[in-house]
Amino acid sequence: MDAVFPPDPSGVAGALATLRHALADPLSAAGLKLELLERHLAAVPFGGTLLTDRVRGAKADIETASRLLDLLLRLSFIAGETAGEISIPGLCRAAGVALEEGTSAGPLLRLRPETIRALASVAEFLRSKDPGDSPPRSRVEENAGRVSLRMDVPGTFGALDPARLFQLPHGEEQRADLFLARAAVEADGGRLQFLEREGHVTALFSWPLPESAKQAGPS
């Protein structure tokens, strides 16, 4: 599904930012009250251990919710960005991702600046999966009306389902980066997925070819 934020995304960005601020204040107030309650219980001789455990659990839930609100703010930044024309090789240079030699410039895509951060985050994740800690091998492909960037390294996901890497994270910074990376790519109608085949872990970015590139034919 190639869903794209509207051409004028300011309304989307503003709505997300407003929602984040509206939820942040009550959460902050609740967290402060729980902190005071926990201190009070700790000062009471033979205080209720069960109640203390519940307070600590509620505090942990609020911390998780606060991290998710921070992600909501980042999503508002992505929605508010203005897309500009850039080729995949140009995108890779900006993100510090090396392409295989001889890669042509290819078509210009309209992408948000956050896509640069997305590429860098995914490249770092792939590198962490390679026992040799080497940069991913990256190449550009065109087929079925789409242009793709394929990045892979030796390694496996083990028992982990690759699709779960993009689910809302719970306190793991690298997972948060992957969640935001997919959001940035999808904001411009792209796709990002992880694959595993024959001892290799692959990240596949793809975007629809612009109409001008479709009419010109293969480069």
Foldseek 3Di string as FASTA:
>chain_A
DQDAQDQQLLVVLVVLVVVLVVPVVVLVVLLVVLVVVLVVQVPDVVRDPVVNVVSVVVNLVSVQVNVVSVLSNVLSVLSRFFWDWAFVVRLCVLLVADEDPPADRDGIATAGPCLSLLVNLVQQVQLVFAPVSDTWYWYWDDDPQKIKIKTKHFGDPPPDDQVCLLPRDRPDVSSSSNVVNQSRLSNRRKGWGWDDDDRMIMIMIMHGDPPVDVVVPDD
